[in-house]
Amino acid sequence: MFLNNLNNLFINSPLEQFEVVSLASYNSPLFFNTSFTLTNLALFTVLVLSLILSIHQNSGKDKTNLNFNKKMKLIPNKESILLESLFASINTIVRDQIGREVYLPFIYSLFLFILCSNLVGNIPYTFTITTSIIVSIGLSFTILIGVTILGLSIHKIHFFSFFIPSGTPLALVPLLVLIELISYLARAFSLGIRLFANMVAGHTLLKILSTFLFKMFSGGLIIFVLTLIPFALFLAITGLELAVSFIQAYVFVLLVCSYIKDAIELH
């Protein structure tokens, strides 16, 4: 009986983990009966932002040690070393891709948000923010709008020459402008869908494998021993999913840097 209850608890659709569900709601009569709802998406967004702020706050607190001369010596902690390495890596990307470090705070914050969201989502019974199409597409479209505003503020009306390749015959200008405009808008879709699809695919695979392994481990002693082999493969895939979390954050900010560079230099 207990085993059947466990099966009902764990064996469900692998896509259920991506559903945005309401955790709590409140109707406020003071604001025209407006309903305030707390979803798992909102909860984990706040948790990820709190985690980022907490990491940076703790990394700024260096440990102190007294040497034999009774002088204070600052020793950076592990969080500080890790964040400095990440910051140096993002700084290198911004410097090589854009050439202007004024965009470094934005790129660094974007990288940490996506990275922490992906990593937190690998913890069992949590929610991955980046598996929400609303977040991924909304983030990419917001970035595209910001990049467009940046290009217009720098180049004014000359920005629209970005949609007309040099040397284009006048008769082909309307067609090429339409093609370039569609290609420009497709950046937002490709940027968000790439992140969304990779994270959903990885988490779906892990969910299917974990359900299969749970059934196998519950099938008896001999099957339990034989299941250790695919379980090792499952651990390897889990490690790969952790690597994908880093790679997707890196690819996302790398593409954003290239879009910013295009808006600045009109390439």
C-alpha atoms as a PDB file:
ATOM      1  CA  MET A   1       0.000   0.000   0.000  1.00  0.00           C
ATOM      2  CA  PHE A   2       2.812   2.369   0.902  1.00  0.00           C
ATOM      3  CA  LEU A   3       4.616   1.566  -2.354  1.00  0.00           C
ATOM      4  CA  ASN A   4       1.491   2.330  -4.396  1.00  0.00           C
ATOM      5  CA  ASN A   5       1.184   5.705  -2.697  1.00  0.00           C
ATOM      6  CA  LEU A   6       4.790   6.471  -3.564  1.00  0.00           C
ATOM      7  CA  ASN A   7       4.165   5.514  -7.194  1.00  0.00           C
ATOM      8  CA  ASN A   8       1.184   7.846  -7.335  1.00  0.00           C
ATOM      9  CA  LEU A   9       3.320  10.593  -5.838  1.00  0.00           C
ATOM     10  CA  PHE A  10       6.318  10.342  -8.165  1.00  0.00           C
ATOM     11  CA  ILE A  11       4.990   8.888 -11.423  1.00  0.00           C
ATOM     12  CA  ASN A  12       3.247  11.628 -13.369  1.00  0.00           C
ATOM     13  CA  SER A  13       3.713  13.529 -16.590  1.00  0.00           C
ATOM     14  CA  PRO A  14       7.278  14.845 -17.014  1.00  0.00           C
ATOM     15  CA  LEU A  15       5.781  18.120 -18.237  1.00  0.00           C
ATOM     16  CA  GLU A  16       3.971  18.824 -14.968  1.00  0.00           C
ATOM     17  CA  GLN A  17       7.171  20.243 -13.484  1.00  0.00           C
ATOM     18  CA  PHE A  18       6.940  23.206 -15.888  1.00  0.00           C
ATOM     19  CA  GLU A  19       3.418  24.259 -14.940  1.00  0.00           C
ATOM     20  CA  VAL A  20       2.962  27.623 -13.259  1.00  0.00           C
ATOM     21  CA  VAL A  21       0.641  26.966 -10.343  1.00  0.00           C
ATOM     22  CA  SER A  22      -0.869  29.180  -7.685  1.00  0.00           C
ATOM     23  CA  LEU A  23       0.541  28.661  -4.212  1.00  0.00           C
ATOM     24  CA  ALA A  24      -1.508  31.266  -2.375  1.00  0.00           C
ATOM     25  CA  SER A  25      -4.002  33.967  -3.243  1.00  0.00           C
ATOM     26  CA  TYR A  26      -5.578  36.909  -1.463  1.00  0.00           C
ATOM     27  CA  ASN A  27      -8.514  39.104  -2.412  1.00  0.00           C
ATOM     28  CA  SER A  28      -8.063  42.650  -1.179  1.00  0.00           C
ATOM     29  CA  PRO A  29     -11.277  44.630  -0.668  1.00  0.00           C
ATOM     30  CA  LEU A  30      -9.210  47.793  -0.192  1.00  0.00           C
ATOM     31  CA  PHE A  31      -8.035  47.681  -3.838  1.00  0.00           C
ATOM     32  CA  PHE A  32     -11.381  47.083  -5.575  1.00  0.00           C
ATOM     33  CA  ASN A  33     -11.331  43.358  -4.714  1.00  0.00           C
ATOM     34  CA  THR A  34      -8.079  42.859  -6.565  1.00  0.00           C
ATOM     35  CA  SER A  35      -6.752  39.312  -6.326  1.00  0.00           C
ATOM     36  CA  PHE A  36      -3.080  38.876  -5.415  1.00  0.00           C
ATOM     37  CA  THR A  37      -1.682  35.464  -6.328  1.00  0.00           C
ATOM     38  CA  LEU A  38       1.664  33.951  -5.395  1.00  0.00           C
ATOM     39  CA  THR A  39       2.809  31.400  -7.987  1.00  0.00           C
ATOM     40  CA  ASN A  40       5.775  29.066  -7.981  1.00  0.00           C
ATOM     41  CA  LEU A  41       7.297  31.217 -10.729  1.00  0.00           C
ATOM     42  CA  ALA A  42       7.109  34.361  -8.601  1.00  0.00           C
ATOM     43  CA  LEU A  43       8.343  32.539  -5.496  1.00  0.00           C
ATOM     44  CA  PHE A  44      11.450  31.106  -7.142  1.00  0.00           C
ATOM     45  CA  THR A  45      12.168  34.396  -8.909  1.00  0.00           C
ATOM     46  CA  VAL A  46      12.327  36.087  -5.517  1.00  0.00           C
ATOM     47  CA  LEU A  47      14.435  33.213  -4.152  1.00  0.00           C
ATOM     48  CA  VAL A  48      16.922  33.465  -7.031  1.00  0.00           C
ATOM     49  CA  LEU A  49      17.249  37.234  -6.646  1.00  0.00           C
ATOM     50  CA  SER A  50      17.684  36.827  -2.887  1.00  0.00           C
ATOM     51  CA  LEU A  51      20.324  34.169  -3.477  1.00  0.00           C
ATOM     52  CA  ILE A  52      22.286  36.450  -5.804  1.00  0.00           C
ATOM     53  CA  LEU A  53      22.169  39.327  -3.336  1.00  0.00           C
ATOM     54  CA  SER A  54      23.109  37.033  -0.458  1.00  0.00           C
ATOM     55  CA  ILE A  55      26.110  35.611  -2.308  1.00  0.00           C
ATOM     56  CA  HIS A  56      27.451  39.064  -3.097  1.00  0.00           C
ATOM     57  CA  GLN A  57      26.835  40.275   0.431  1.00  0.00           C
ATOM     58  CA  ASN A  58      28.678  37.331   1.967  1.00  0.00           C
ATOM     59  CA  SER A  59      31.536  37.554  -0.514  1.00  0.00           C
ATOM     60  CA  GLY A  60      32.210  41.103   0.612  1.00  0.00           C
ATOM     61  CA  LYS A  61      32.865  39.905   4.144  1.00  0.00           C
ATOM     62  CA  ASP A  62      36.491  38.787   4.080  1.00  0.00           C
ATOM     63  CA  LYS A  63      37.840  36.718   6.913  1.00  0.00           C
ATOM     64  CA  THR A  64      40.573  38.222   9.041  1.00  0.00           C
ATOM     65  CA  ASN A  65      43.564  36.571  10.561  1.00  0.00           C
ATOM     66  CA  LEU A  66      46.225  37.776  12.972  1.00  0.00           C
ATOM     67  CA  ASN A  67      49.836  37.062  12.116  1.00  0.00           C
ATOM     68  CA  PHE A  68      52.719  37.040  14.586  1.00  0.00           C
ATOM     69  CA  ASN A  69      53.164  40.791  14.183  1.00  0.00           C
ATOM     70  CA  LYS A  70      49.537  41.295  15.259  1.00  0.00           C
ATOM     71  CA  LYS A  71      48.679  42.936  11.955  1.00  0.00           C
ATOM     72  CA  MET A  72      45.377  42.359  10.255  1.00  0.00           C
ATOM     73  CA  LYS A  73      45.535  40.343   7.064  1.00  0.00           C
ATOM     74  CA  LEU A  74      42.602  40.103   4.706  1.00  0.00           C
ATOM     75  CA  ILE A  75      41.872  36.656   3.313  1.00  0.00           C
ATOM     76  CA  PRO A  76      39.197  36.416   0.598  1.00  0.00           C
ATOM     77  CA  ASN A  77      36.632  33.690   1.137  1.00  0.00           C
ATOM     78  CA  LYS A  78      35.613  31.069  -1.428  1.00  0.00           C
ATOM     79  CA  GLU A  79      32.540  32.994  -2.581  1.00  0.00           C
ATOM     80  CA  SER A  80      34.669  36.053  -3.264  1.00  0.00           C
ATOM     81  CA  ILE A  81      37.173  34.077  -5.332  1.00  0.00           C
ATOM     82  CA  LEU A  82      34.384  32.440  -7.342  1.00  0.00           C
ATOM     83  CA  LEU A  83      32.608  35.715  -8.034  1.00  0.00           C
ATOM     84  CA  GLU A  84      35.852  37.419  -9.001  1.00  0.00           C
ATOM     85  CA  SER A  85      36.512  34.649 -11.512  1.00  0.00           C
ATOM     86  CA  LEU A  86      33.021  34.965 -12.961  1.00  0.00           C
ATOM     87  CA  PHE A  87      33.321  38.733 -13.088  1.00  0.00           C
ATOM     88  CA  ALA A  88      36.682  38.527 -14.871  1.00  0.00           C
ATOM     89  CA  SER A  89      35.249  36.084 -17.413  1.00  0.00           C
ATOM     90  CA  ILE A  90      32.213  38.279 -18.138  1.00  0.00           C
ATOM     91  CA  ASN A  91      34.463  41.329 -18.297  1.00  0.00           C
ATOM     92  CA  THR A  92      36.564  39.592 -20.946  1.00  0.00           C
ATOM     93  CA  ILE A  93      33.446  38.762 -22.975  1.00  0.00           C
ATOM     94  CA  VAL A  94      32.181  42.344 -22.825  1.00  0.00           C
ATOM     95  CA  ARG A  95      35.581  43.793 -23.682  1.00  0.00           C
ATOM     96  CA  ASP A  96      36.106  41.449 -26.639  1.00  0.00           C
ATOM     97  CA  GLN A  97      32.567  41.573 -28.016  1.00  0.00           C
ATOM     98  CA  ILE A  98      31.484  45.156 -27.352  1.00  0.00           C
ATOM     99  CA  GLY A  99      34.670  46.983 -26.454  1.00  0.00           C
ATOM    100  CA  ARG A 100      32.914  49.196 -23.905  1.00  0.00           C
ATOM    101  CA  GLU A 101      32.794  48.210 -20.251  1.00  0.00           C
ATOM    102  CA  VAL A 102      29.835  50.490 -19.576  1.00  0.00           C
ATOM    103  CA  TYR A 103      27.597  47.517 -20.403  1.00  0.00           C
ATOM    104  CA  LEU A 104      29.409  45.213 -17.982  1.00  0.00           C
ATOM    105  CA  PRO A 105      26.985  45.609 -15.015  1.00  0.00           C
ATOM    106  CA  PHE A 106      24.016  44.679 -17.178  1.00  0.00           C
ATOM    107  CA  ILE A 107      25.703  41.681 -18.805  1.00  0.00           C
ATOM    108  CA  TYR A 108      27.075  40.465 -15.471  1.00  0.00           C
ATOM    109  CA  SER A 109      23.662  40.727 -13.772  1.00  0.00           C
ATOM    110  CA  LEU A 110      21.968  38.983 -16.685  1.00  0.00           C
ATOM    111  CA  PHE A 111      24.498  36.141 -16.626  1.00  0.00           C
ATOM    112  CA  LEU A 112      24.140  35.582 -12.876  1.00  0.00           C
ATOM    113  CA  PHE A 113      20.342  35.648 -13.026  1.00  0.00           C
ATOM    114  CA  ILE A 114      20.148  33.022 -15.786  1.00  0.00           C
ATOM    115  CA  LEU A 115      22.913  30.911 -14.247  1.00  0.00           C
ATOM    116  CA  CYS A 116      21.390  30.863 -10.762  1.00  0.00           C
ATOM    117  CA  SER A 117      17.924  30.197 -12.199  1.00  0.00           C
ATOM    118  CA  ASN A 118      19.244  27.201 -14.133  1.00  0.00           C
ATOM    119  CA  LEU A 119      21.239  25.816 -11.212  1.00  0.00           C
ATOM    120  CA  VAL A 120      18.422  26.208  -8.693  1.00  0.00           C
ATOM    121  CA  GLY A 121      16.124  24.375 -11.098  1.00  0.00           C
ATOM    122  CA  ASN A 122      18.377  21.310 -10.938  1.00  0.00           C
ATOM    123  CA  ILE A 123      17.470  20.802  -7.281  1.00  0.00           C
ATOM    124  CA  PRO A 124      14.652  18.218  -6.933  1.00  0.00           C
ATOM    125  CA  TYR A 125      11.157  19.596  -6.279  1.00  0.00           C
ATOM    126  CA  THR A 126      12.090  23.116  -7.324  1.00  0.00           C
ATOM    127  CA  PHE A 127      10.934  25.195 -10.272  1.00  0.00           C
ATOM    128  CA  THR A 128      13.197  26.341 -13.097  1.00  0.00           C
ATOM    129  CA  ILE A 129      12.388  29.931 -14.013  1.00  0.00           C
ATOM    130  CA  THR A 130      13.947  29.678 -17.456  1.00  0.00           C
ATOM    131  CA  THR A 131      11.614  26.794 -18.417  1.00  0.00           C
ATOM    132  CA  SER A 132       8.773  29.306 -18.471  1.00  0.00           C
ATOM    133  CA  ILE A 133       8.232  30.544 -22.022  1.00  0.00           C
ATOM    134  CA  ILE A 134       6.901  33.803 -20.611  1.00  0.00           C
ATOM    135  CA  VAL A 135      10.185  34.497 -18.833  1.00  0.00           C
ATOM    136  CA  SER A 136      12.473  33.395 -21.678  1.00  0.00           C
ATOM    137  CA  ILE A 137      10.641  35.145 -24.514  1.00  0.00           C
ATOM    138  CA  GLY A 138       9.794  38.144 -22.332  1.00  0.00           C
ATOM    139  CA  LEU A 139      13.440  38.547 -21.379  1.00  0.00           C
ATOM    140  CA  SER A 140      14.657  38.256 -24.968  1.00  0.00           C
ATOM    141  CA  PHE A 141      12.053  40.690 -26.320  1.00  0.00           C
ATOM    142  CA  THR A 142      12.831  43.182 -23.570  1.00  0.00           C
ATOM    143  CA  ILE A 143      16.520  42.991 -24.496  1.00  0.00           C
ATOM    144  CA  LEU A 144      15.709  43.461 -28.198  1.00  0.00           C
ATOM    145  CA  ILE A 145      13.612  46.541 -27.412  1.00  0.00           C
ATOM    146  CA  GLY A 146      16.432  47.935 -25.267  1.00  0.00           C
ATOM    147  CA  VAL A 147      19.007  47.263 -27.988  1.00  0.00           C
ATOM    148  CA  THR A 148      16.765  48.987 -30.561  1.00  0.00           C
ATOM    149  CA  ILE A 149      16.364  52.025 -28.320  1.00  0.00           C
ATOM    150  CA  LEU A 150      20.140  52.076 -27.843  1.00  0.00           C
ATOM    151  CA  GLY A 151      20.739  52.010 -31.588  1.00  0.00           C
ATOM    152  CA  LEU A 152      18.187  54.774 -32.194  1.00  0.00           C
ATOM    153  CA  SER A 153      19.682  56.955 -29.467  1.00  0.00           C
ATOM    154  CA  ILE A 154      23.168  56.628 -30.965  1.00  0.00           C
ATOM    155  CA  HIS A 155      22.472  56.767 -34.701  1.00  0.00           C
ATOM    156  CA  LYS A 156      19.059  58.449 -34.825  1.00  0.00           C
ATOM    157  CA  ILE A 157      17.440  57.999 -38.278  1.00  0.00           C
ATOM    158  CA  HIS A 158      20.629  56.448 -39.651  1.00  0.00           C
ATOM    159  CA  PHE A 159      19.847  53.361 -37.556  1.00  0.00           C
ATOM    160  CA  PHE A 160      17.347  52.195 -40.195  1.00  0.00           C
ATOM    161  CA  SER A 161      20.208  51.762 -42.663  1.00  0.00           C
ATOM    162  CA  PHE A 162      20.846  48.570 -40.685  1.00  0.00           C
ATOM    163  CA  PHE A 163      17.935  47.027 -42.604  1.00  0.00           C
ATOM    164  CA  ILE A 164      19.247  48.053 -46.035  1.00  0.00           C
ATOM    165  CA  PRO A 165      22.488  46.352 -47.121  1.00  0.00           C
ATOM    166  CA  SER A 166      24.913  48.632 -48.919  1.00  0.00           C
ATOM    167  CA  GLY A 167      24.745  48.500 -52.704  1.00  0.00           C
ATOM    168  CA  THR A 168      21.139  47.273 -52.785  1.00  0.00           C
ATOM    169  CA  PRO A 169      19.260  48.195 -55.973  1.00  0.00           C
ATOM    170  CA  LEU A 170      16.342  50.544 -55.339  1.00  0.00           C
ATOM    171  CA  ALA A 171      13.827  48.054 -56.712  1.00  0.00           C
ATOM    172  CA  LEU A 172      14.854  45.433 -54.133  1.00  0.00           C
ATOM    173  CA  VAL A 173      14.835  47.776 -51.133  1.00  0.00           C
ATOM    174  CA  PRO A 174      11.231  47.012 -49.994  1.00  0.00           C
ATOM    175  CA  LEU A 175      11.803  43.253 -50.186  1.00  0.00           C
ATOM    176  CA  LEU A 176      15.167  43.343 -48.427  1.00  0.00           C
ATOM    177  CA  VAL A 177      13.857  45.673 -45.713  1.00  0.00           C
ATOM    178  CA  LEU A 178      11.067  43.194 -45.018  1.00  0.00           C
ATOM    179  CA  ILE A 179      13.508  40.277 -44.918  1.00  0.00           C
ATOM    180  CA  GLU A 180      15.960  42.128 -42.668  1.00  0.00           C
ATOM    181  CA  LEU A 181      13.138  43.233 -40.364  1.00  0.00           C
ATOM    182  CA  ILE A 182      11.896  39.663 -39.980  1.00  0.00           C
ATOM    183  CA  SER A 183      15.464  38.500 -39.381  1.00  0.00           C
ATOM    184  CA  TYR A 184      15.906  41.241 -36.764  1.00  0.00           C
ATOM    185  CA  LEU A 185      12.722  40.299 -34.898  1.00  0.00           C
ATOM    186  CA  ALA A 186      13.627  36.606 -35.127  1.00  0.00           C
ATOM    187  CA  ARG A 187      16.578  37.342 -32.860  1.00  0.00           C
ATOM    188  CA  ALA A 188      14.231  37.728 -29.915  1.00  0.00           C
ATOM    189  CA  PHE A 189      12.492  34.434 -30.644  1.00  0.00           C
ATOM    190  CA  SER A 190      15.715  32.510 -31.200  1.00  0.00           C
ATOM    191  CA  LEU A 191      17.342  33.976 -28.098  1.00  0.00           C
ATOM    192  CA  GLY A 192      14.476  33.049 -25.794  1.00  0.00           C
ATOM    193  CA  ILE A 193      13.455  29.770 -27.395  1.00  0.00           C
ATOM    194  CA  ARG A 194      17.048  28.473 -27.378  1.00  0.00           C
ATOM    195  CA  LEU A 195      17.243  28.913 -23.619  1.00  0.00           C
ATOM    196  CA  PHE A 196      13.714  27.615 -23.038  1.00  0.00           C
ATOM    197  CA  ALA A 197      14.054  24.538 -25.271  1.00  0.00           C
ATOM    198  CA  ASN A 198      17.416  23.411 -23.900  1.00  0.00           C
ATOM    199  CA  MET A 199      16.341  23.653 -20.285  1.00  0.00           C
ATOM    200  CA  VAL A 200      12.973  21.970 -20.895  1.00  0.00           C
ATOM    201  CA  ALA A 201      14.557  19.127 -22.862  1.00  0.00           C
ATOM    202  CA  GLY A 202      17.165  18.429 -20.178  1.00  0.00           C
ATOM    203  CA  HIS A 203      14.717  18.522 -17.284  1.00  0.00           C
ATOM    204  CA  THR A 204      12.207  16.365 -19.141  1.00  0.00           C
ATOM    205  CA  LEU A 205      14.873  13.740 -19.797  1.00  0.00           C
ATOM    206  CA  LEU A 206      15.924  13.737 -16.141  1.00  0.00           C
ATOM    207  CA  LYS A 207      12.306  13.394 -15.039  1.00  0.00           C
ATOM    208  CA  ILE A 208      11.699  10.425 -17.334  1.00  0.00           C
ATOM    209  CA  LEU A 209      14.909   8.691 -16.259  1.00  0.00           C
ATOM    210  CA  SER A 210      14.317   9.305 -12.561  1.00  0.00           C
ATOM    211  CA  THR A 211      10.794   7.864 -12.823  1.00  0.00           C
ATOM    212  CA  PHE A 212      12.128   4.812 -14.646  1.00  0.00           C
ATOM    213  CA  LEU A 213      14.894   4.288 -12.082  1.00  0.00           C
ATOM    214  CA  PHE A 214      12.442   4.621  -9.202  1.00  0.00           C
ATOM    215  CA  LYS A 215      10.310   1.863 -10.703  1.00  0.00           C
ATOM    216  CA  MET A 216      13.382  -0.311 -11.259  1.00  0.00           C
ATOM    217  CA  PHE A 217      14.723   0.182  -7.730  1.00  0.00           C
ATOM    218  CA  SER A 218      11.330  -0.927  -6.395  1.00  0.00           C
ATOM    219  CA  GLY A 219      11.323  -4.179  -8.373  1.00  0.00           C
ATOM    220  CA  GLY A 220      13.342  -6.458  -6.105  1.00  0.00           C
ATOM    221  CA  LEU A 221      16.920  -7.105  -5.037  1.00  0.00           C
ATOM    222  CA  ILE A 222      18.238  -8.480  -8.348  1.00  0.00           C
ATOM    223  CA  ILE A 223      16.695  -5.675 -10.396  1.00  0.00           C
ATOM    224  CA  PHE A 224      17.958  -3.204  -7.794  1.00  0.00           C
ATOM    225  CA  VAL A 225      21.552  -4.354  -8.370  1.00  0.00           C
ATOM    226  CA  LEU A 226      21.160  -4.294 -12.160  1.00  0.00           C
ATOM    227  CA  THR A 227      19.705  -0.778 -11.982  1.00  0.00           C
ATOM    228  CA  LEU A 228      22.965   0.557 -10.551  1.00  0.00           C
ATOM    229  CA  ILE A 229      24.412   0.634 -14.079  1.00  0.00           C
ATOM    230  CA  PRO A 230      21.743   2.936 -15.597  1.00  0.00           C
ATOM    231  CA  PHE A 231      21.825   4.916 -12.350  1.00  0.00           C
ATOM    232  CA  ALA A 232      25.479   5.741 -13.032  1.00  0.00           C
ATOM    233  CA  LEU A 233      24.402   6.958 -16.472  1.00  0.00           C
ATOM    234  CA  PHE A 234      21.717   9.068 -14.807  1.00  0.00           C
ATOM    235  CA  LEU A 235      24.338  10.713 -12.595  1.00  0.00           C
ATOM    236  CA  ALA A 236      26.441  11.460 -15.674  1.00  0.00           C
ATOM    237  CA  ILE A 237      23.442  13.072 -17.397  1.00  0.00           C
ATOM    238  CA  THR A 238      22.782  15.097 -14.258  1.00  0.00           C
ATOM    239  CA  GLY A 239      26.344  16.388 -14.391  1.00  0.00           C
ATOM    240  CA  LEU A 240      25.823  17.219 -18.065  1.00  0.00           C
ATOM    241  CA  GLU A 241      22.679  19.154 -17.180  1.00  0.00           C
ATOM    242  CA  LEU A 242      24.680  21.201 -14.674  1.00  0.00           C
ATOM    243  CA  ALA A 243      27.172  21.980 -17.445  1.00  0.00           C
ATOM    244  CA  VAL A 244      24.291  22.956 -19.744  1.00  0.00           C
ATOM    245  CA  SER A 245      23.148  25.436 -17.080  1.00  0.00           C
ATOM    246  CA  PHE A 246      26.476  27.239 -17.388  1.00  0.00           C
ATOM    247  CA  ILE A 247      26.639  26.934 -21.176  1.00  0.00           C
ATOM    248  CA  GLN A 248      23.157  28.350 -21.766  1.00  0.00           C
ATOM    249  CA  ALA A 249      23.862  31.346 -19.532  1.00  0.00           C
ATOM    250  CA  TYR A 250      27.154  31.913 -21.369  1.00  0.00           C
ATOM    251  CA  VAL A 251      25.580  31.602 -24.842  1.00  0.00           C
ATOM    252  CA  PHE A 252      22.716  33.923 -23.874  1.00  0.00           C
ATOM    253  CA  VAL A 253      24.956  36.783 -22.733  1.00  0.00           C
ATOM    254  CA  LEU A 254      27.350  36.195 -25.648  1.00  0.00           C
ATOM    255  CA  LEU A 255      24.511  36.699 -28.133  1.00  0.00           C
ATOM    256  CA  VAL A 256      23.254  39.730 -26.224  1.00  0.00           C
ATOM    257  CA  CYS A 257      26.743  41.246 -26.472  1.00  0.00           C
ATOM    258  CA  SER A 258      26.772  40.652 -30.221  1.00  0.00           C
ATOM    259  CA  TYR A 259      23.353  42.325 -30.568  1.00  0.00           C
ATOM    260  CA  ILE A 260      24.544  45.341 -28.599  1.00  0.00           C
ATOM    261  CA  LYS A 261      27.630  45.550 -30.791  1.00  0.00           C
ATOM    262  CA  ASP A 262      25.458  45.450 -33.921  1.00  0.00           C
ATOM    263  CA  ALA A 263      23.321  48.291 -32.551  1.00  0.00           C
ATOM    264  CA  ILE A 264      26.411  50.376 -31.776  1.00  0.00           C
ATOM    265  CA  GLU A 265      28.348  49.757 -34.993  1.00  0.00           C
ATOM    266  CA  LEU A 266      25.421  48.914 -37.323  1.00  0.00           C
ATOM    267  CA  HIS A 267      26.991  45.712 -38.618  1.00  0.00           C
END
